[in-house]
Amino acid sequence: MPRKRKGANCSSSCLTKNHSTYGECIRAKGLQLSPAVNDNYGTRQKQWDRDLDHYEKAVNDGLSPTGTQRWQVDQAIKEADSG
C-alpha cells in the first residue's frame, strides 16, 4: 500500500504537518493518554491494595499496626509474635 504524502495523516492541531502516519504525529506530540501505561499507576495501585488487605487482616486478627504500609503491619505482627 503506498504511503500518502507527508502531513496528509496528521491531526488537525499538528503544527508541522510533516508526519508520514497519524501514529507518528500523535507520538511526536508526546501525549500521555493513559496514566496506567505512562507512570506505572496500575502497579502502585495494586501494591497499595495489597498493603491495605494485609492491614485489614492484621486488624481483624486483633492487632493495631501503626500504619497501613506493609512494613508497619509486619512490625506489628512481629511484636505480637514475640510478646
PDB file of N, CA and C in Angstrom:
ATOM      1  N   MET A   1       0.843  -1.169   0.000  1.00  0.00           N
ATOM      2  CA  MET A   1       0.000   0.000   0.000  1.00  0.00           C
ATOM      3  C   MET A   1       0.898   1.245   0.000  1.00  0.00           C
ATOM      4  N   PRO A   2       0.764   2.108  -0.930  1.00  0.00           N
ATOM      5  CA  PRO A   2       1.603   3.299  -0.995  1.00  0.00           C
ATOM      6  C   PRO A   2       1.234   4.286   0.104  1.00  0.00           C
ATOM      7  N   ARG A   3       2.241   4.966   0.609  1.00  0.00           N
ATOM      8  CA  ARG A   3       2.006   5.968   1.652  1.00  0.00           C
ATOM      9  C   ARG A   3       1.515   7.268   1.041  1.00  0.00           C
ATOM     10  N   LYS A   4       0.673   7.941   1.805  1.00  0.00           N
ATOM     11  CA  LYS A   4       0.198   9.257   1.370  1.00  0.00           C
ATOM     12  C   LYS A   4       1.320  10.271   1.578  1.00  0.00           C
ATOM     13  N   ARG A   5       1.173  11.419   1.031  1.00  0.00           N
ATOM     14  CA  ARG A   5       2.189  12.448   1.208  1.00  0.00           C
ATOM     15  C   ARG A   5       2.277  12.846   2.677  1.00  0.00           C
ATOM     16  N   LYS A   6       3.418  13.338   3.082  1.00  0.00           N
ATOM     17  CA  LYS A   6       3.611  13.740   4.472  1.00  0.00           C
ATOM     18  C   LYS A   6       2.608  14.817   4.841  1.00  0.00           C
ATOM     19  N   GLY A   7       2.055  14.680   6.034  1.00  0.00           N
ATOM     20  CA  GLY A   7       1.094  15.661   6.523  1.00  0.00           C
ATOM     21  C   GLY A   7      -0.352  15.289   6.250  1.00  0.00           C
ATOM     22  N   ALA A   8      -0.592  14.391   5.311  1.00  0.00           N
ATOM     23  CA  ALA A   8      -1.968  14.020   4.972  1.00  0.00           C
ATOM     24  C   ALA A   8      -2.636  13.263   6.124  1.00  0.00           C
ATOM     25  N   ASN A   9      -1.834  12.599   6.942  1.00  0.00           N
ATOM     26  CA  ASN A   9      -2.384  11.822   8.055  1.00  0.00           C
ATOM     27  C   ASN A   9      -2.254  12.526   9.398  1.00  0.00           C
ATOM     28  N   CYS A  10      -1.790  13.763   9.418  1.00  0.00           N
ATOM     29  CA  CYS A  10      -1.586  14.479  10.677  1.00  0.00           C
ATOM     30  C   CYS A  10      -2.922  14.891  11.294  1.00  0.00           C
ATOM     31  N   SER A  11      -2.887  15.089  12.600  1.00  0.00           N
ATOM     32  CA  SER A  11      -4.085  15.574  13.276  1.00  0.00           C
ATOM     33  C   SER A  11      -4.306  17.032  12.898  1.00  0.00           C
ATOM     34  N   SER A  12      -5.499  17.499  13.132  1.00  0.00           N
ATOM     35  CA  SER A  12      -5.833  18.865  12.729  1.00  0.00           C
ATOM     36  C   SER A  12      -5.036  19.908  13.516  1.00  0.00           C
ATOM     37  N   SER A  13      -4.583  19.548  14.707  1.00  0.00           N
ATOM     38  CA  SER A  13      -3.841  20.511  15.518  1.00  0.00           C
ATOM     39  C   SER A  13      -2.323  20.397  15.359  1.00  0.00           C
ATOM     40  N   CYS A  14      -1.875  19.563  14.435  1.00  0.00           N
ATOM     41  CA  CYS A  14      -0.432  19.390  14.225  1.00  0.00           C
ATOM     42  C   CYS A  14       0.163  20.688  13.668  1.00  0.00           C
ATOM     43  N   LEU A  15       1.238  21.128  14.289  1.00  0.00           N
ATOM     44  CA  LEU A  15       1.867  22.371  13.864  1.00  0.00           C
ATOM     45  C   LEU A  15       2.781  22.187  12.657  1.00  0.00           C
ATOM     46  N   THR A  16       3.407  21.019  12.541  1.00  0.00           N
ATOM     47  CA  THR A  16       4.402  20.845  11.478  1.00  0.00           C
ATOM     48  C   THR A  16       3.833  20.209  10.213  1.00  0.00           C
ATOM     49  N   LYS A  17       2.799  19.402  10.346  1.00  0.00           N
ATOM     50  CA  LYS A  17       2.175  18.697   9.207  1.00  0.00           C
ATOM     51  C   LYS A  17       3.214  17.975   8.344  1.00  0.00           C
ATOM     52  N   ASN A  18       4.171  17.323   8.995  1.00  0.00           N
ATOM     53  CA  ASN A  18       5.211  16.638   8.240  1.00  0.00           C
ATOM     54  C   ASN A  18       5.383  15.177   8.644  1.00  0.00           C
ATOM     55  N   HIS A  19       4.338  14.563   9.182  1.00  0.00           N
ATOM     56  CA  HIS A  19       4.417  13.177   9.631  1.00  0.00           C
ATOM     57  C   HIS A  19       3.837  12.228   8.597  1.00  0.00           C
ATOM     58  N   SER A  20       4.471  11.070   8.467  1.00  0.00           N
ATOM     59  CA  SER A  20       4.040  10.088   7.470  1.00  0.00           C
ATOM     60  C   SER A  20       2.771   9.353   7.873  1.00  0.00           C
ATOM     61  N   THR A  21       2.568   9.182   9.181  1.00  0.00           N
ATOM     62  CA  THR A  21       1.386   8.464   9.663  1.00  0.00           C
ATOM     63  C   THR A  21       0.747   9.235  10.810  1.00  0.00           C
ATOM     64  N   TYR A  22      -0.497   8.913  11.087  1.00  0.00           N
ATOM     65  CA  TYR A  22      -1.209   9.539  12.202  1.00  0.00           C
ATOM     66  C   TYR A  22      -0.517   9.184  13.520  1.00  0.00           C
ATOM     67  N   GLY A  23      -0.109   7.919  13.655  1.00  0.00           N
ATOM     68  CA  GLY A  23       0.582   7.474  14.868  1.00  0.00           C
ATOM     69  C   GLY A  23       1.864   8.254  15.102  1.00  0.00           C
ATOM     70  N   GLU A  24       2.622   8.473  14.044  1.00  0.00           N
ATOM     71  CA  GLU A  24       3.857   9.252  14.157  1.00  0.00           C
ATOM     72  C   GLU A  24       3.547  10.675  14.640  1.00  0.00           C
ATOM     73  N   CYS A  25       2.486  11.248  14.116  1.00  0.00           N
ATOM     74  CA  CYS A  25       2.068  12.592  14.507  1.00  0.00           C
ATOM     75  C   CYS A  25       1.716  12.639  15.992  1.00  0.00           C
ATOM     76  N   ILE A  26       0.913  11.695  16.450  1.00  0.00           N
ATOM     77  CA  ILE A  26       0.487  11.662  17.850  1.00  0.00           C
ATOM     78  C   ILE A  26       1.682  11.418  18.761  1.00  0.00           C
ATOM     79  N   ARG A  27       2.582  10.485  18.388  1.00  0.00           N
ATOM     80  CA  ARG A  27       3.770  10.231  19.202  1.00  0.00           C
ATOM     81  C   ARG A  27       4.650  11.468  19.293  1.00  0.00           C
ATOM     82  N   ALA A  28       4.735  12.241  18.218  1.00  0.00           N
ATOM     83  CA  ALA A  28       5.555  13.452  18.218  1.00  0.00           C
ATOM     84  C   ALA A  28       5.022  14.500  19.194  1.00  0.00           C
ATOM     85  N   LYS A  29       3.736  14.462  19.466  1.00  0.00           N
ATOM     86  CA  LYS A  29       3.153  15.412  20.415  1.00  0.00           C
ATOM     87  C   LYS A  29       3.512  15.061  21.852  1.00  0.00           C
ATOM     88  N   GLY A  30       3.907  13.813  22.062  1.00  0.00           N
ATOM     89  CA  GLY A  30       4.276  13.387  23.409  1.00  0.00           C
ATOM     90  C   GLY A  30       3.089  13.305  24.346  1.00  0.00           C
ATOM     91  N   LEU A  31       1.921  12.985  23.827  1.00  0.00           N
ATOM     92  CA  LEU A  31       0.726  12.883  24.653  1.00  0.00           C
ATOM     93  C   LEU A  31       0.833  11.720  25.619  1.00  0.00           C
ATOM     94  N   GLN A  32       0.283  11.887  26.772  1.00  0.00           N
ATOM     95  CA  GLN A  32       0.199  10.807  27.740  1.00  0.00           C
ATOM     96  C   GLN A  32      -1.275  10.458  27.886  1.00  0.00           C
ATOM     97  N   LEU A  33      -1.695   9.497  27.110  1.00  0.00           N
ATOM     98  CA  LEU A  33      -3.116   9.182  27.040  1.00  0.00           C
ATOM     99  C   LEU A  33      -3.591   8.261  28.150  1.00  0.00           C
ATOM    100  N   SER A  34      -2.689   7.478  28.698  1.00  0.00           N
ATOM    101  CA  SER A  34      -3.090   6.531  29.718  1.00  0.00           C
ATOM    102  C   SER A  34      -2.110   6.564  30.879  1.00  0.00           C
ATOM    103  N   PRO A  35      -2.544   7.027  32.034  1.00  0.00           N
ATOM    104  CA  PRO A  35      -1.623   7.061  33.164  1.00  0.00           C
ATOM    105  C   PRO A  35      -1.150   5.668  33.554  1.00  0.00           C
ATOM    106  N   ALA A  36      -1.961   4.653  33.315  1.00  0.00           N
ATOM    107  CA  ALA A  36      -1.547   3.296  33.667  1.00  0.00           C
ATOM    108  C   ALA A  36      -0.357   2.838  32.838  1.00  0.00           C
ATOM    109  N   VAL A  37      -0.234   3.329  31.637  1.00  0.00           N
ATOM    110  CA  VAL A  37       0.877   2.959  30.772  1.00  0.00           C
ATOM    111  C   VAL A  37       2.087   3.836  31.041  1.00  0.00           C
ATOM    112  N   ASN A  38       1.861   5.096  31.345  1.00  0.00           N
ATOM    113  CA  ASN A  38       2.950   6.056  31.405  1.00  0.00           C
ATOM    114  C   ASN A  38       3.622   6.217  32.757  1.00  0.00           C
ATOM    115  N   ASP A  39       2.961   5.944  33.842  1.00  0.00           N
ATOM    116  CA  ASP A  39       3.610   6.183  35.128  1.00  0.00           C
ATOM    117  C   ASP A  39       3.426   5.040  36.126  1.00  0.00           C
ATOM    118  N   ASN A  40       3.156   3.864  35.635  1.00  0.00           N
ATOM    119  CA  ASN A  40       3.011   2.677  36.485  1.00  0.00           C
ATOM    120  C   ASN A  40       1.926   2.832  37.538  1.00  0.00           C
ATOM    121  N   TYR A  41       0.900   3.594  37.231  1.00  0.00           N
ATOM    122  CA  TYR A  41      -0.189   3.808  38.169  1.00  0.00           C
ATOM    123  C   TYR A  41      -0.795   2.472  38.607  1.00  0.00           C
ATOM    124  N   GLY A  42      -1.007   1.580  37.649  1.00  0.00           N
ATOM    125  CA  GLY A  42      -1.624   0.297  37.972  1.00  0.00           C
ATOM    126  C   GLY A  42      -0.795  -0.503  38.950  1.00  0.00           C
ATOM    127  N   THR A  43       0.519  -0.466  38.791  1.00  0.00           N
ATOM    128  CA  THR A  43       1.411  -1.195  39.685  1.00  0.00           C
ATOM    129  C   THR A  43       1.346  -0.619  41.093  1.00  0.00           C
ATOM    130  N   ARG A  44       1.377   0.693  41.192  1.00  0.00           N
ATOM    131  CA  ARG A  44       1.287   1.332  42.516  1.00  0.00           C
ATOM    132  C   ARG A  44      -0.062   1.044  43.161  1.00  0.00           C
ATOM    133  N   GLN A  45      -1.123   1.067  42.363  1.00  0.00           N
ATOM    134  CA  GLN A  45      -2.462   0.812  42.904  1.00  0.00           C
ATOM    135  C   GLN A  45      -2.551  -0.610  43.441  1.00  0.00           C
ATOM    136  N   LYS A  46      -2.009  -1.569  42.711  1.00  0.00           N
ATOM    137  CA  LYS A  46      -2.045  -2.962  43.160  1.00  0.00           C
ATOM    138  C   LYS A  46      -1.267  -3.141  44.456  1.00  0.00           C
ATOM    139  N   GLN A  47      -0.093  -2.489  44.554  1.00  0.00           N
ATOM    140  CA  GLN A  47       0.707  -2.572  45.786  1.00  0.00           C
ATOM    141  C   GLN A  47      -0.061  -1.967  46.957  1.00  0.00           C
ATOM    142  N   TRP A  48      -0.701  -0.836  46.721  1.00  0.00           N
ATOM    143  CA  TRP A  48      -1.480  -0.192  47.776  1.00  0.00           C
ATOM    144  C   TRP A  48      -2.628  -1.098  48.224  1.00  0.00           C
ATOM    145  N   ASP A  49      -3.305  -1.709  47.260  1.00  0.00           N
ATOM    146  CA  ASP A  49      -4.401  -2.624  47.590  1.00  0.00           C
ATOM    147  C   ASP A  49      -3.899  -3.809  48.411  1.00  0.00           C
ATOM    148  N   ARG A  50      -2.737  -4.358  48.040  1.00  0.00           N
ATOM    149  CA  ARG A  50      -2.171  -5.486  48.804  1.00  0.00           C
ATOM    150  C   ARG A  50      -1.829  -5.049  50.229  1.00  0.00           C
ATOM    151  N   ASP A  51      -1.235  -3.856  50.352  1.00  0.00           N
ATOM    152  CA  ASP A  51      -0.894  -3.351  51.686  1.00  0.00           C
ATOM    153  C   ASP A  51      -2.149  -3.191  52.539  1.00  0.00           C
ATOM    154  N   LEU A  52      -3.208  -2.644  51.956  1.00  0.00           N
ATOM    155  CA  LEU A  52      -4.447  -2.449  52.713  1.00  0.00           C
ATOM    156  C   LEU A  52      -5.094  -3.785  53.084  1.00  0.00           C
ATOM    157  N   ASP A  53      -5.015  -4.764  52.193  1.00  0.00           N
ATOM    158  CA  ASP A  53      -5.548  -6.089  52.513  1.00  0.00           C
ATOM    159  C   ASP A  53      -4.781  -6.707  53.681  1.00  0.00           C
ATOM    160  N   HIS A  54      -3.459  -6.537  53.656  1.00  0.00           N
ATOM    161  CA  HIS A  54      -2.603  -7.055  54.727  1.00  0.00           C
ATOM    162  C   HIS A  54      -2.945  -6.349  56.050  1.00  0.00           C
ATOM    163  N   TYR A  55      -3.136  -5.046  55.994  1.00  0.00           N
ATOM    164  CA  TYR A  55      -3.515  -4.261  57.173  1.00  0.00           C
ATOM    165  C   TYR A  55      -4.867  -4.734  57.719  1.00  0.00           C
ATOM    166  N   GLU A  56      -5.823  -4.913  56.825  1.00  0.00           N
ATOM    167  CA  GLU A  56      -7.160  -5.349  57.239  1.00  0.00           C
ATOM    168  C   GLU A  56      -7.106  -6.705  57.941  1.00  0.00           C
ATOM    169  N   LYS A  57      -6.323  -7.615  57.414  1.00  0.00           N
ATOM    170  CA  LYS A  57      -6.195  -8.933  58.029  1.00  0.00           C
ATOM    171  C   LYS A  57      -5.594  -8.812  59.430  1.00  0.00           C
ATOM    172  N   ALA A  58      -4.591  -7.958  59.571  1.00  0.00           N
ATOM    173  CA  ALA A  58      -3.961  -7.770  60.876  1.00  0.00           C
ATOM    174  C   ALA A  58      -4.954  -7.184  61.886  1.00  0.00           C
ATOM    175  N   VAL A  59      -5.719  -6.198  61.460  1.00  0.00           N
ATOM    176  CA  VAL A  59      -6.718  -5.591  62.345  1.00  0.00           C
ATOM    177  C   VAL A  59      -7.780  -6.623  62.720  1.00  0.00           C
ATOM    178  N   ASN A  60      -8.208  -7.423  61.764  1.00  0.00           N
ATOM    179  CA  ASN A  60      -9.199  -8.466  62.050  1.00  0.00           C
ATOM    180  C   ASN A  60      -8.652  -9.524  63.005  1.00  0.00           C
ATOM    181  N   ASP A  61      -7.327  -9.685  63.021  1.00  0.00           N
ATOM    182  CA  ASP A  61      -6.683 -10.627  63.947  1.00  0.00           C
ATOM    183  C   ASP A  61      -6.449 -10.002  65.318  1.00  0.00           C
ATOM    184  N   GLY A  62      -6.896  -8.752  65.510  1.00  0.00           N
ATOM    185  CA  GLY A  62      -6.788  -8.102  66.811  1.00  0.00           C
ATOM    186  C   GLY A  62      -5.548  -7.251  67.002  1.00  0.00           C
ATOM    187  N   LEU A  63      -4.788  -7.006  65.959  1.00  0.00           N
ATOM    188  CA  LEU A  63      -3.574  -6.196  66.066  1.00  0.00           C
ATOM    189  C   LEU A  63      -3.890  -4.724  65.797  1.00  0.00           C
ATOM    190  N   SER A  64      -2.971  -3.874  66.229  1.00  0.00           N
ATOM    191  CA  SER A  64      -3.119  -2.429  65.992  1.00  0.00           C
ATOM    192  C   SER A  64      -1.843  -1.882  65.356  1.00  0.00           C
ATOM    193  N   PRO A  65      -1.667  -2.092  64.047  1.00  0.00           N
ATOM    194  CA  PRO A  65      -0.475  -1.564  63.376  1.00  0.00           C
ATOM    195  C   PRO A  65      -0.440  -0.041  63.447  1.00  0.00           C
ATOM    196  N   THR A  66       0.766   0.531  63.401  1.00  0.00           N
ATOM    197  CA  THR A  66       0.918   1.985  63.475  1.00  0.00           C
ATOM    198  C   THR A  66       0.554   2.667  62.169  1.00  0.00           C
ATOM    199  N   GLY A  67       0.418   1.901  61.098  1.00  0.00           N
ATOM    200  CA  GLY A  67       0.060   2.463  59.796  1.00  0.00           C
ATOM    201  C   GLY A  67      -0.367   1.356  58.856  1.00  0.00           C
ATOM    202  N   THR A  68      -0.670   1.735  57.633  1.00  0.00           N
ATOM    203  CA  THR A  68      -1.165   0.759  56.656  1.00  0.00           C
ATOM    204  C   THR A  68      -0.085   0.209  55.736  1.00  0.00           C
ATOM    205  N   GLN A  69       1.118   0.751  55.812  1.00  0.00           N
ATOM    206  CA  GLN A  69       2.179   0.247  54.942  1.00  0.00           C
ATOM    207  C   GLN A  69       2.619  -1.134  55.401  1.00  0.00           C
ATOM    208  N   ARG A  70       3.078  -1.916  54.445  1.00  0.00           N
ATOM    209  CA  ARG A  70       3.421  -3.319  54.710  1.00  0.00           C
ATOM    210  C   ARG A  70       4.409  -3.471  55.865  1.00  0.00           C
ATOM    211  N   TRP A  71       5.454  -2.641  55.868  1.00  0.00           N
ATOM    212  CA  TRP A  71       6.466  -2.781  56.923  1.00  0.00           C
ATOM    213  C   TRP A  71       5.881  -2.484  58.301  1.00  0.00           C
ATOM    214  N   GLN A  72       4.926  -1.588  58.393  1.00  0.00           N
ATOM    215  CA  GLN A  72       4.310  -1.260  59.675  1.00  0.00           C
ATOM    216  C   GLN A  72       3.437  -2.413  60.170  1.00  0.00           C
ATOM    217  N   VAL A  73       2.733  -3.029  59.246  1.00  0.00           N
ATOM    218  CA  VAL A  73       1.895  -4.179  59.608  1.00  0.00           C
ATOM    219  C   VAL A  73       2.781  -5.354  60.003  1.00  0.00           C
ATOM    220  N   ASP A  74       3.844  -5.599  59.247  1.00  0.00           N
ATOM    221  CA  ASP A  74       4.768  -6.688  59.570  1.00  0.00           C
ATOM    222  C   ASP A  74       5.410  -6.479  60.943  1.00  0.00           C
ATOM    223  N   GLN A  75       5.726  -5.223  61.266  1.00  0.00           N
ATOM    224  CA  GLN A  75       6.297  -4.903  62.557  1.00  0.00           C
ATOM    225  C   GLN A  75       5.311  -5.236  63.677  1.00  0.00           C
ATOM    226  N   ALA A  76       4.042  -4.909  63.496  1.00  0.00           N
ATOM    227  CA  ALA A  76       3.019  -5.217  64.498  1.00  0.00           C
ATOM    228  C   ALA A  76       2.849  -6.730  64.656  1.00  0.00           C
ATOM    229  N   ILE A  77       2.922  -7.465  63.567  1.00  0.00           N
ATOM    230  CA  ILE A  77       2.809  -8.930  63.623  1.00  0.00           C
ATOM    231  C   ILE A  77       4.000  -9.507  64.372  1.00  0.00           C
ATOM    232  N   LYS A  78       5.191  -8.992  64.071  1.00  0.00           N
ATOM    233  CA  LYS A  78       6.414  -9.476  64.715  1.00  0.00           C
ATOM    234  C   LYS A  78       6.372  -9.218  66.223  1.00  0.00           C
ATOM    235  N   GLU A  79       5.916  -8.016  66.622  1.00  0.00           N
ATOM    236  CA  GLU A  79       5.804  -7.680  68.045  1.00  0.00           C
ATOM    237  C   GLU A  79       4.796  -8.576  68.742  1.00  0.00           C
ATOM    238  N   ALA A  80       3.692  -8.881  68.081  1.00  0.00           N
ATOM    239  CA  ALA A  80       2.671  -9.737  68.675  1.00  0.00           C
ATOM    240  C   ALA A  80       3.177 -11.168  68.831  1.00  0.00           C
ATOM    241  N   ASP A  81       3.970 -11.632  67.863  1.00  0.00           N
ATOM    242  CA  ASP A  81       4.509 -12.991  67.938  1.00  0.00           C
ATOM    243  C   ASP A  81       5.575 -13.131  69.019  1.00  0.00           C
ATOM    244  N   SER A  82       6.341 -12.075  69.249  1.00  0.00           N
ATOM    245  CA  SER A  82       7.437 -12.161  70.222  1.00  0.00           C
ATOM    246  C   SER A  82       6.977 -11.848  71.637  1.00  0.00           C
ATOM    247  N   GLY A  83       5.849 -11.236  71.778  1.00  0.00           N
ATOM    248  CA  GLY A  83       5.431 -10.811  73.116  1.00  0.00           C
ATOM    249  C   GLY A  83       4.262 -11.507  73.590  1.00  0.00           C
TER     250      GLY A  83
END
